[in-house]
mmCIF file of all heavy atoms, coordinates in Angstrom:
data_MODEL
# 
_entry.id   MODEL 
# 
loop_
_atom_site.group_PDB 
_atom_site.id 
_atom_site.type_symbol 
_atom_site.label_atom_id 
_atom_site.label_alt_id 
_atom_site.label_comp_id 
_atom_site.label_asym_id 
_atom_site.label_entity_id 
_atom_site.label_seq_id 
_atom_site.pdbx_PDB_ins_code 
_atom_site.Cartn_x 
_atom_site.Cartn_y 
_atom_site.Cartn_z 
_atom_site.occupancy 
_atom_site.B_iso_or_equiv 
_atom_site.pdbx_formal_charge 
_atom_site.auth_seq_id 
_atom_site.auth_comp_id 
_atom_site.auth_asym_id 
_atom_site.auth_atom_id 
_atom_site.pdbx_PDB_model_num 
ATOM 1   N N   . PRO A 1 1  ? 3.698  -4.390 17.267  1.00 0.00 ? 1  PRO A N   1 
ATOM 2   C CA  . PRO A 1 1  ? 3.562  -3.093 16.603  1.00 0.00 ? 1  PRO A CA  1 
ATOM 3   C C   . PRO A 1 1  ? 4.432  -2.951 15.356  1.00 0.00 ? 1  PRO A C   1 
ATOM 4   O O   . PRO A 1 1  ? 3.990  -2.375 14.360  1.00 0.00 ? 1  PRO A O   1 
ATOM 5   C CB  . PRO A 1 1  ? 3.965  -2.096 17.694  1.00 0.00 ? 1  PRO A CB  1 
ATOM 6   C CG  . PRO A 1 1  ? 3.640  -2.802 18.975  1.00 0.00 ? 1  PRO A CG  1 
ATOM 7   C CD  . PRO A 1 1  ? 3.962  -4.237 18.718  1.00 0.00 ? 1  PRO A CD  1 
ATOM 8   N N   . TYR A 1 2  ? 5.677  -3.448 15.417  1.00 0.00 ? 2  TYR A N   1 
ATOM 9   C CA  . TYR A 1 2  ? 6.543  -3.325 14.246  1.00 0.00 ? 2  TYR A CA  1 
ATOM 10  C C   . TYR A 1 2  ? 5.941  -4.029 13.041  1.00 0.00 ? 2  TYR A C   1 
ATOM 11  O O   . TYR A 1 2  ? 5.899  -3.478 11.930  1.00 0.00 ? 2  TYR A O   1 
ATOM 12  C CB  . TYR A 1 2  ? 7.931  -3.900 14.540  1.00 0.00 ? 2  TYR A CB  1 
ATOM 13  C CG  . TYR A 1 2  ? 8.812  -3.937 13.311  1.00 0.00 ? 2  TYR A CG  1 
ATOM 14  C CD1 . TYR A 1 2  ? 9.504  -2.806 12.893  1.00 0.00 ? 2  TYR A CD1 1 
ATOM 15  C CD2 . TYR A 1 2  ? 8.930  -5.104 12.551  1.00 0.00 ? 2  TYR A CD2 1 
ATOM 16  C CE1 . TYR A 1 2  ? 10.284 -2.821 11.748  1.00 0.00 ? 2  TYR A CE1 1 
ATOM 17  C CE2 . TYR A 1 2  ? 9.706  -5.133 11.400  1.00 0.00 ? 2  TYR A CE2 1 
ATOM 18  C CZ  . TYR A 1 2  ? 10.389 -3.990 11.009  1.00 0.00 ? 2  TYR A CZ  1 
ATOM 19  O OH  . TYR A 1 2  ? 11.152 -4.016 9.870   1.00 0.00 ? 2  TYR A OH  1 
ATOM 20  N N   . ALA A 1 3  ? 5.485  -5.272 13.225  1.00 0.00 ? 3  ALA A N   1 
ATOM 21  C CA  . ALA A 1 3  ? 4.921  -6.041 12.111  1.00 0.00 ? 3  ALA A CA  1 
ATOM 22  C C   . ALA A 1 3  ? 3.633  -5.397 11.604  1.00 0.00 ? 3  ALA A C   1 
ATOM 23  O O   . ALA A 1 3  ? 3.403  -5.317 10.385  1.00 0.00 ? 3  ALA A O   1 
ATOM 24  C CB  . ALA A 1 3  ? 4.654  -7.474 12.548  1.00 0.00 ? 3  ALA A CB  1 
ATOM 25  N N   . ILE A 1 4  ? 2.785  -4.924 12.508  1.00 0.00 ? 4  ILE A N   1 
ATOM 26  C CA  . ILE A 1 4  ? 1.542  -4.281 12.098  1.00 0.00 ? 4  ILE A CA  1 
ATOM 27  C C   . ILE A 1 4  ? 1.836  -3.041 11.262  1.00 0.00 ? 4  ILE A C   1 
ATOM 28  O O   . ILE A 1 4  ? 1.244  -2.834 10.195  1.00 0.00 ? 4  ILE A O   1 
ATOM 29  C CB  . ILE A 1 4  ? 0.691  -3.927 13.328  1.00 0.00 ? 4  ILE A CB  1 
ATOM 30  C CG1 . ILE A 1 4  ? 0.191  -5.212 14.010  1.00 0.00 ? 4  ILE A CG1 1 
ATOM 31  C CG2 . ILE A 1 4  ? -0.483 -3.029 12.941  1.00 0.00 ? 4  ILE A CG2 1 
ATOM 32  C CD1 . ILE A 1 4  ? -0.470 -4.981 15.351  1.00 0.00 ? 4  ILE A CD1 1 
ATOM 33  N N   . GLU A 1 5  ? 2.774  -2.203 11.741  1.00 0.00 ? 5  GLU A N   1 
ATOM 34  C CA  . GLU A 1 5  ? 3.119  -0.990 10.997  1.00 0.00 ? 5  GLU A CA  1 
ATOM 35  C C   . GLU A 1 5  ? 3.751  -1.331 9.655   1.00 0.00 ? 5  GLU A C   1 
ATOM 36  O O   . GLU A 1 5  ? 3.417  -0.729 8.625   1.00 0.00 ? 5  GLU A O   1 
ATOM 37  C CB  . GLU A 1 5  ? 4.065  -0.116 11.815  1.00 0.00 ? 5  GLU A CB  1 
ATOM 38  C CG  . GLU A 1 5  ? 4.434  1.188  11.102  1.00 0.00 ? 5  GLU A CG  1 
ATOM 39  C CD  . GLU A 1 5  ? 5.378  2.050  11.922  1.00 0.00 ? 5  GLU A CD  1 
ATOM 40  O OE1 . GLU A 1 5  ? 5.910  1.561  12.930  1.00 0.00 ? 5  GLU A OE1 1 
ATOM 41  O OE2 . GLU A 1 5  ? 5.585  3.222  11.528  1.00 0.00 ? 5  GLU A OE2 1 
ATOM 42  N N   . ARG A 1 6  ? 4.640  -2.302 9.654   1.00 0.00 ? 6  ARG A N   1 
ATOM 43  C CA  . ARG A 1 6  ? 5.346  -2.685 8.429   1.00 0.00 ? 6  ARG A CA  1 
ATOM 44  C C   . ARG A 1 6  ? 4.368  -3.112 7.342   1.00 0.00 ? 6  ARG A C   1 
ATOM 45  O O   . ARG A 1 6  ? 4.431  -2.625 6.206   1.00 0.00 ? 6  ARG A O   1 
ATOM 46  C CB  . ARG A 1 6  ? 6.310  -3.834 8.750   1.00 0.00 ? 6  ARG A CB  1 
ATOM 47  C CG  . ARG A 1 6  ? 6.817  -4.632 7.554   1.00 0.00 ? 6  ARG A CG  1 
ATOM 48  C CD  . ARG A 1 6  ? 7.933  -3.907 6.826   1.00 0.00 ? 6  ARG A CD  1 
ATOM 49  N NE  . ARG A 1 6  ? 8.470  -4.737 5.760   1.00 0.00 ? 6  ARG A NE  1 
ATOM 50  C CZ  . ARG A 1 6  ? 8.038  -4.736 4.504   1.00 0.00 ? 6  ARG A CZ  1 
ATOM 51  N NH1 . ARG A 1 6  ? 7.034  -3.956 4.159   1.00 0.00 ? 6  ARG A NH1 1 
ATOM 52  N NH2 . ARG A 1 6  ? 8.608  -5.504 3.596   1.00 0.00 ? 6  ARG A NH2 1 
ATOM 53  N N   . TYR A 1 7  ? 3.467  -4.009 7.658   1.00 0.00 ? 7  TYR A N   1 
ATOM 54  C CA  . TYR A 1 7  ? 2.595  -4.560 6.626   1.00 0.00 ? 7  TYR A CA  1 
ATOM 55  C C   . TYR A 1 7  ? 1.407  -3.657 6.323   1.00 0.00 ? 7  TYR A C   1 
ATOM 56  O O   . TYR A 1 7  ? 0.897  -3.671 5.206   1.00 0.00 ? 7  TYR A O   1 
ATOM 57  C CB  . TYR A 1 7  ? 2.165  -5.975 7.006   1.00 0.00 ? 7  TYR A CB  1 
ATOM 58  C CG  . TYR A 1 7  ? 3.332  -6.932 6.944   1.00 0.00 ? 7  TYR A CG  1 
ATOM 59  C CD1 . TYR A 1 7  ? 3.875  -7.481 8.093   1.00 0.00 ? 7  TYR A CD1 1 
ATOM 60  C CD2 . TYR A 1 7  ? 3.932  -7.248 5.719   1.00 0.00 ? 7  TYR A CD2 1 
ATOM 61  C CE1 . TYR A 1 7  ? 4.977  -8.332 8.031   1.00 0.00 ? 7  TYR A CE1 1 
ATOM 62  C CE2 . TYR A 1 7  ? 5.017  -8.091 5.652   1.00 0.00 ? 7  TYR A CE2 1 
ATOM 63  C CZ  . TYR A 1 7  ? 5.538  -8.631 6.811   1.00 0.00 ? 7  TYR A CZ  1 
ATOM 64  O OH  . TYR A 1 7  ? 6.636  -9.465 6.738   1.00 0.00 ? 7  TYR A OH  1 
ATOM 65  N N   . THR A 1 8  ? 0.975  -2.848 7.282   1.00 0.00 ? 8  THR A N   1 
ATOM 66  C CA  . THR A 1 8  ? -0.074 -1.878 7.000   1.00 0.00 ? 8  THR A CA  1 
ATOM 67  C C   . THR A 1 8  ? 0.432  -0.820 6.025   1.00 0.00 ? 8  THR A C   1 
ATOM 68  O O   . THR A 1 8  ? -0.264 -0.456 5.070   1.00 0.00 ? 8  THR A O   1 
ATOM 69  C CB  . THR A 1 8  ? -0.583 -1.234 8.295   1.00 0.00 ? 8  THR A CB  1 
ATOM 70  O OG1 . THR A 1 8  ? -1.089 -2.249 9.170   1.00 0.00 ? 8  THR A OG1 1 
ATOM 71  C CG2 . THR A 1 8  ? -1.686 -0.231 8.006   1.00 0.00 ? 8  THR A CG2 1 
ATOM 72  N N   . LYS A 1 9  ? 1.650  -0.342 6.257   1.00 0.00 ? 9  LYS A N   1 
ATOM 73  C CA  . LYS A 1 9  ? 2.223  0.651  5.343   1.00 0.00 ? 9  LYS A CA  1 
ATOM 74  C C   . LYS A 1 9  ? 2.469  0.066  3.958   1.00 0.00 ? 9  LYS A C   1 
ATOM 75  O O   . LYS A 1 9  ? 2.249  0.732  2.939   1.00 0.00 ? 9  LYS A O   1 
ATOM 76  C CB  . LYS A 1 9  ? 3.533  1.206  5.918   1.00 0.00 ? 9  LYS A CB  1 
ATOM 77  C CG  . LYS A 1 9  ? 3.338  2.189  7.052   1.00 0.00 ? 9  LYS A CG  1 
ATOM 78  C CD  . LYS A 1 9  ? 4.661  2.800  7.488   1.00 0.00 ? 9  LYS A CD  1 
ATOM 79  C CE  . LYS A 1 9  ? 4.446  3.882  8.521   1.00 0.00 ? 9  LYS A CE  1 
ATOM 80  N NZ  . LYS A 1 9  ? 5.738  4.484  8.961   1.00 0.00 ? 9  LYS A NZ  1 
ATOM 81  N N   . GLU A 1 10 ? 2.919  -1.172 3.905   1.00 0.00 ? 10 GLU A N   1 
ATOM 82  C CA  . GLU A 1 10 ? 3.161  -1.790 2.607   1.00 0.00 ? 10 GLU A CA  1 
ATOM 83  C C   . GLU A 1 10 ? 1.846  -2.013 1.863   1.00 0.00 ? 10 GLU A C   1 
ATOM 84  O O   . GLU A 1 10 ? 1.780  -1.849 0.634   1.00 0.00 ? 10 GLU A O   1 
ATOM 85  C CB  . GLU A 1 10 ? 3.910  -3.110 2.781   1.00 0.00 ? 10 GLU A CB  1 
ATOM 86  C CG  . GLU A 1 10 ? 4.211  -3.853 1.486   1.00 0.00 ? 10 GLU A CG  1 
ATOM 87  C CD  . GLU A 1 10 ? 5.124  -3.105 0.520   1.00 0.00 ? 10 GLU A CD  1 
ATOM 88  O OE1 . GLU A 1 10 ? 5.599  -1.989 0.839   1.00 0.00 ? 10 GLU A OE1 1 
ATOM 89  O OE2 . GLU A 1 10 ? 5.361  -3.634 -0.587  1.00 0.00 ? 10 GLU A OE2 1 
ATOM 90  N N   . ALA A 1 11 ? 0.801  -2.365 2.593   1.00 0.00 ? 11 ALA A N   1 
ATOM 91  C CA  . ALA A 1 11 ? -0.508 -2.497 1.954   1.00 0.00 ? 11 ALA A CA  1 
ATOM 92  C C   . ALA A 1 11 ? -0.940 -1.170 1.349   1.00 0.00 ? 11 ALA A C   1 
ATOM 93  O O   . ALA A 1 11 ? -1.419 -1.116 0.209   1.00 0.00 ? 11 ALA A O   1 
ATOM 94  C CB  . ALA A 1 11 ? -1.550 -2.986 2.969   1.00 0.00 ? 11 ALA A CB  1 
ATOM 95  N N   . GLY A 1 12 ? -0.750 -0.088 2.088   1.00 0.00 ? 12 GLY A N   1 
ATOM 96  C CA  . GLY A 1 12 ? -1.095 1.226  1.566   1.00 0.00 ? 12 GLY A CA  1 
ATOM 97  C C   . GLY A 1 12 ? -0.277 1.587  0.337   1.00 0.00 ? 12 GLY A C   1 
ATOM 98  O O   . GLY A 1 12 ? -0.798 2.171  -0.628  1.00 0.00 ? 12 GLY A O   1 
ATOM 99  N N   . ARG A 1 13 ? 0.997  1.257  0.357   1.00 0.00 ? 13 ARG A N   1 
ATOM 100 C CA  . ARG A 1 13 ? 1.847  1.526  -0.813  1.00 0.00 ? 13 ARG A CA  1 
ATOM 101 C C   . ARG A 1 13 ? 1.341  0.769  -2.033  1.00 0.00 ? 13 ARG A C   1 
ATOM 102 O O   . ARG A 1 13 ? 1.251  1.320  -3.145  1.00 0.00 ? 13 ARG A O   1 
ATOM 103 C CB  . ARG A 1 13 ? 3.297  1.139  -0.521  1.00 0.00 ? 13 ARG A CB  1 
ATOM 104 C CG  . ARG A 1 13 ? 4.255  1.523  -1.648  1.00 0.00 ? 13 ARG A CG  1 
ATOM 105 C CD  . ARG A 1 13 ? 5.627  0.900  -1.441  1.00 0.00 ? 13 ARG A CD  1 
ATOM 106 N NE  . ARG A 1 13 ? 5.625  -0.537 -1.728  1.00 0.00 ? 13 ARG A NE  1 
ATOM 107 C CZ  . ARG A 1 13 ? 5.698  -1.050 -2.970  1.00 0.00 ? 13 ARG A CZ  1 
ATOM 108 N NH1 . ARG A 1 13 ? 5.762  -0.258 -4.035  1.00 0.00 ? 13 ARG A NH1 1 
ATOM 109 N NH2 . ARG A 1 13 ? 5.704  -2.360 -3.135  1.00 0.00 ? 13 ARG A NH2 1 
ATOM 110 N N   . LEU A 1 14 ? 1.003  -0.502 -1.852  1.00 0.00 ? 14 LEU A N   1 
ATOM 111 C CA  . LEU A 1 14 ? 0.545  -1.326 -2.969  1.00 0.00 ? 14 LEU A CA  1 
ATOM 112 C C   . LEU A 1 14 ? -0.799 -0.845 -3.506  1.00 0.00 ? 14 LEU A C   1 
ATOM 113 O O   . LEU A 1 14 ? -1.021 -0.848 -4.725  1.00 0.00 ? 14 LEU A O   1 
ATOM 114 C CB  . LEU A 1 14 ? 0.461  -2.788 -2.535  1.00 0.00 ? 14 LEU A CB  1 
ATOM 115 C CG  . LEU A 1 14 ? 1.821  -3.458 -2.294  1.00 0.00 ? 14 LEU A CG  1 
ATOM 116 C CD1 . LEU A 1 14 ? 1.651  -4.758 -1.526  1.00 0.00 ? 14 LEU A CD1 1 
ATOM 117 C CD2 . LEU A 1 14 ? 2.548  -3.704 -3.607  1.00 0.00 ? 14 LEU A CD2 1 
ATOM 118 N N   . TYR A 1 15 ? -1.695 -0.425 -2.630  1.00 0.00 ? 15 TYR A N   1 
ATOM 119 C CA  . TYR A 1 15 ? -2.948 0.154  -3.113  1.00 0.00 ? 15 TYR A CA  1 
ATOM 120 C C   . TYR A 1 15 ? -2.685 1.437  -3.903  1.00 0.00 ? 15 TYR A C   1 
ATOM 121 O O   . TYR A 1 15 ? -3.411 1.752  -4.856  1.00 0.00 ? 15 TYR A O   1 
ATOM 122 C CB  . TYR A 1 15 ? -3.908 0.426  -1.968  1.00 0.00 ? 15 TYR A CB  1 
ATOM 123 C CG  . TYR A 1 15 ? -4.741 -0.774 -1.599  1.00 0.00 ? 15 TYR A CG  1 
ATOM 124 C CD1 . TYR A 1 15 ? -4.498 -1.493 -0.424  1.00 0.00 ? 15 TYR A CD1 1 
ATOM 125 C CD2 . TYR A 1 15 ? -5.784 -1.205 -2.423  1.00 0.00 ? 15 TYR A CD2 1 
ATOM 126 C CE1 . TYR A 1 15 ? -5.265 -2.604 -0.089  1.00 0.00 ? 15 TYR A CE1 1 
ATOM 127 C CE2 . TYR A 1 15 ? -6.549 -2.323 -2.095  1.00 0.00 ? 15 TYR A CE2 1 
ATOM 128 C CZ  . TYR A 1 15 ? -6.281 -3.015 -0.935  1.00 0.00 ? 15 TYR A CZ  1 
ATOM 129 O OH  . TYR A 1 15 ? -7.028 -4.113 -0.609  1.00 0.00 ? 15 TYR A OH  1 
ATOM 130 N N   . GLY A 1 16 ? -1.657 2.168  -3.518  1.00 0.00 ? 16 GLY A N   1 
ATOM 131 C CA  . GLY A 1 16 ? -1.293 3.356  -4.280  1.00 0.00 ? 16 GLY A CA  1 
ATOM 132 C C   . GLY A 1 16 ? -0.828 3.001  -5.685  1.00 0.00 ? 16 GLY A C   1 
ATOM 133 O O   . GLY A 1 16 ? -1.168 3.683  -6.660  1.00 0.00 ? 16 GLY A O   1 
ATOM 134 N N   . VAL A 1 17 ? -0.044 1.933  -5.799  1.00 0.00 ? 17 VAL A N   1 
ATOM 135 C CA  . VAL A 1 17 ? 0.392  1.453  -7.111  1.00 0.00 ? 17 VAL A CA  1 
ATOM 136 C C   . VAL A 1 17 ? -0.825 1.058  -7.954  1.00 0.00 ? 17 VAL A C   1 
ATOM 137 O O   . VAL A 1 17 ? -0.931 1.434  -9.141  1.00 0.00 ? 17 VAL A O   1 
ATOM 138 C CB  . VAL A 1 17 ? 1.347  0.246  -6.960  1.00 0.00 ? 17 VAL A CB  1 
ATOM 139 C CG1 . VAL A 1 17 ? 1.673  -0.371 -8.317  1.00 0.00 ? 17 VAL A CG1 1 
ATOM 140 C CG2 . VAL A 1 17 ? 2.630  0.672  -6.246  1.00 0.00 ? 17 VAL A CG2 1 
ATOM 141 N N   . LEU A 1 18 ? -1.733 0.316  -7.349  1.00 0.00 ? 18 LEU A N   1 
ATOM 142 C CA  . LEU A 1 18 ? -2.942 -0.117 -8.046  1.00 0.00 ? 18 LEU A CA  1 
ATOM 143 C C   . LEU A 1 18 ? -3.787 1.089  -8.465  1.00 0.00 ? 18 LEU A C   1 
ATOM 144 O O   . LEU A 1 18 ? -4.293 1.152  -9.597  1.00 0.00 ? 18 LEU A O   1 
ATOM 145 C CB  . LEU A 1 18 ? -3.746 -1.043 -7.130  1.00 0.00 ? 18 LEU A CB  1 
ATOM 146 C CG  . LEU A 1 18 ? -5.012 -1.693 -7.691  1.00 0.00 ? 18 LEU A CG  1 
ATOM 147 C CD1 . LEU A 1 18 ? -4.692 -2.589 -8.872  1.00 0.00 ? 18 LEU A CD1 1 
ATOM 148 C CD2 . LEU A 1 18 ? -5.722 -2.487 -6.591  1.00 0.00 ? 18 LEU A CD2 1 
ATOM 149 N N   . ASP A 1 19 ? -3.922 2.049  -7.581  1.00 0.00 ? 19 ASP A N   1 
ATOM 150 C CA  . ASP A 1 19 ? -4.736 3.222  -7.877  1.00 0.00 ? 19 ASP A CA  1 
ATOM 151 C C   . ASP A 1 19 ? -4.170 4.024  -9.044  1.00 0.00 ? 19 ASP A C   1 
ATOM 152 O O   . ASP A 1 19 ? -4.925 4.504  -9.909  1.00 0.00 ? 19 ASP A O   1 
ATOM 153 C CB  . ASP A 1 19 ? -4.842 4.104  -6.627  1.00 0.00 ? 19 ASP A CB  1 
ATOM 154 C CG  . ASP A 1 19 ? -5.990 5.092  -6.706  1.00 0.00 ? 19 ASP A CG  1 
ATOM 155 O OD1 . ASP A 1 19 ? -7.146 4.644  -6.686  1.00 0.00 ? 19 ASP A OD1 1 
ATOM 156 O OD2 . ASP A 1 19 ? -5.732 6.306  -6.797  1.00 0.00 ? 19 ASP A OD2 1 
ATOM 157 N N   . ARG A 1 20 ? -2.850 4.171  -9.084  1.00 0.00 ? 20 ARG A N   1 
ATOM 158 C CA  . ARG A 1 20 ? -2.235 4.927  -10.182 1.00 0.00 ? 20 ARG A CA  1 
ATOM 159 C C   . ARG A 1 20 ? -2.420 4.216  -11.519 1.00 0.00 ? 20 ARG A C   1 
ATOM 160 O O   . ARG A 1 20 ? -2.654 4.854  -12.544 1.00 0.00 ? 20 ARG A O   1 
ATOM 161 C CB  . ARG A 1 20 ? -0.754 5.164  -9.890  1.00 0.00 ? 20 ARG A CB  1 
ATOM 162 C CG  . ARG A 1 20 ? -0.528 6.176  -8.770  1.00 0.00 ? 20 ARG A CG  1 
ATOM 163 C CD  . ARG A 1 20 ? 0.920  6.578  -8.653  1.00 0.00 ? 20 ARG A CD  1 
ATOM 164 N NE  . ARG A 1 20 ? 1.786  5.476  -8.237  1.00 0.00 ? 20 ARG A NE  1 
ATOM 165 C CZ  . ARG A 1 20 ? 1.996  5.150  -6.963  1.00 0.00 ? 20 ARG A CZ  1 
ATOM 166 N NH1 . ARG A 1 20 ? 1.364  5.796  -5.983  1.00 0.00 ? 20 ARG A NH1 1 
ATOM 167 N NH2 . ARG A 1 20 ? 2.812  4.156  -6.653  1.00 0.00 ? 20 ARG A NH2 1 
ATOM 168 N N   . ARG A 1 21 ? -2.318 2.884  -11.518 1.00 0.00 ? 21 ARG A N   1 
ATOM 169 C CA  . ARG A 1 21 ? -2.552 2.151  -12.761 1.00 0.00 ? 21 ARG A CA  1 
ATOM 170 C C   . ARG A 1 21 ? -3.992 2.316  -13.227 1.00 0.00 ? 21 ARG A C   1 
ATOM 171 O O   . ARG A 1 21 ? -4.262 2.527  -14.417 1.00 0.00 ? 21 ARG A O   1 
ATOM 172 C CB  . ARG A 1 21 ? -2.235 0.661  -12.560 1.00 0.00 ? 21 ARG A CB  1 
ATOM 173 C CG  . ARG A 1 21 ? -2.662 -0.226 -13.723 1.00 0.00 ? 21 ARG A CG  1 
ATOM 174 C CD  . ARG A 1 21 ? -2.080 0.238  -15.043 1.00 0.00 ? 21 ARG A CD  1 
ATOM 175 N NE  . ARG A 1 21 ? -2.542 -0.577 -16.156 1.00 0.00 ? 21 ARG A NE  1 
ATOM 176 C CZ  . ARG A 1 21 ? -2.426 -0.228 -17.431 1.00 0.00 ? 21 ARG A CZ  1 
ATOM 177 N NH1 . ARG A 1 21 ? -1.867 0.946  -17.750 1.00 0.00 ? 21 ARG A NH1 1 
ATOM 178 N NH2 . ARG A 1 21 ? -2.859 -1.020 -18.384 1.00 0.00 ? 21 ARG A NH2 1 
ATOM 179 N N   . LEU A 1 22 ? -4.923 2.250  -12.290 1.00 0.00 ? 22 LEU A N   1 
ATOM 180 C CA  . LEU A 1 22 ? -6.335 2.339  -12.647 1.00 0.00 ? 22 LEU A CA  1 
ATOM 181 C C   . LEU A 1 22 ? -6.779 3.763  -12.954 1.00 0.00 ? 22 LEU A C   1 
ATOM 182 O O   . LEU A 1 22 ? -7.892 3.977  -13.434 1.00 0.00 ? 22 LEU A O   1 
ATOM 183 C CB  . LEU A 1 22 ? -7.184 1.725  -11.536 1.00 0.00 ? 22 LEU A CB  1 
ATOM 184 C CG  . LEU A 1 22 ? -6.991 0.211  -11.377 1.00 0.00 ? 22 LEU A CG  1 
ATOM 185 C CD1 . LEU A 1 22 ? -7.676 -0.290 -10.109 1.00 0.00 ? 22 LEU A CD1 1 
ATOM 186 C CD2 . LEU A 1 22 ? -7.511 -0.544 -12.598 1.00 0.00 ? 22 LEU A CD2 1 
ATOM 187 N N   . ALA A 1 23 ? -5.919 4.741  -12.705 1.00 0.00 ? 23 ALA A N   1 
ATOM 188 C CA  . ALA A 1 23 ? -6.189 6.112  -13.135 1.00 0.00 ? 23 ALA A CA  1 
ATOM 189 C C   . ALA A 1 23 ? -5.990 6.261  -14.637 1.00 0.00 ? 23 ALA A C   1 
ATOM 190 O O   . ALA A 1 23 ? -6.552 7.171  -15.254 1.00 0.00 ? 23 ALA A O   1 
ATOM 191 C CB  . ALA A 1 23 ? -5.287 7.087  -12.392 1.00 0.00 ? 23 ALA A CB  1 
ATOM 192 N N   . GLU A 1 24 ? -5.199 5.364  -15.218 1.00 0.00 ? 24 GLU A N   1 
ATOM 193 C CA  . GLU A 1 24 ? -4.889 5.465  -16.647 1.00 0.00 ? 24 GLU A CA  1 
ATOM 194 C C   . GLU A 1 24 ? -5.524 4.371  -17.485 1.00 0.00 ? 24 GLU A C   1 
ATOM 195 O O   . GLU A 1 24 ? -5.405 4.384  -18.705 1.00 0.00 ? 24 GLU A O   1 
ATOM 196 C CB  . GLU A 1 24 ? -3.365 5.433  -16.843 1.00 0.00 ? 24 GLU A CB  1 
ATOM 197 C CG  . GLU A 1 24 ? -2.696 4.169  -16.337 1.00 0.00 ? 24 GLU A CG  1 
ATOM 198 C CD  . GLU A 1 24 ? -1.180 4.235  -16.359 1.00 0.00 ? 24 GLU A CD  1 
ATOM 199 O OE1 . GLU A 1 24 ? -0.635 5.370  -16.383 1.00 0.00 ? 24 GLU A OE1 1 
ATOM 200 O OE2 . GLU A 1 24 ? -0.529 3.173  -16.353 1.00 0.00 ? 24 GLU A OE2 1 
# 
């Protein structure tokens, strides 16, 4: 569970970074 939560959350964070760049 720790590893799943850790990397799932990090994936979401990185998609957020990508999404903000592609907004501009």
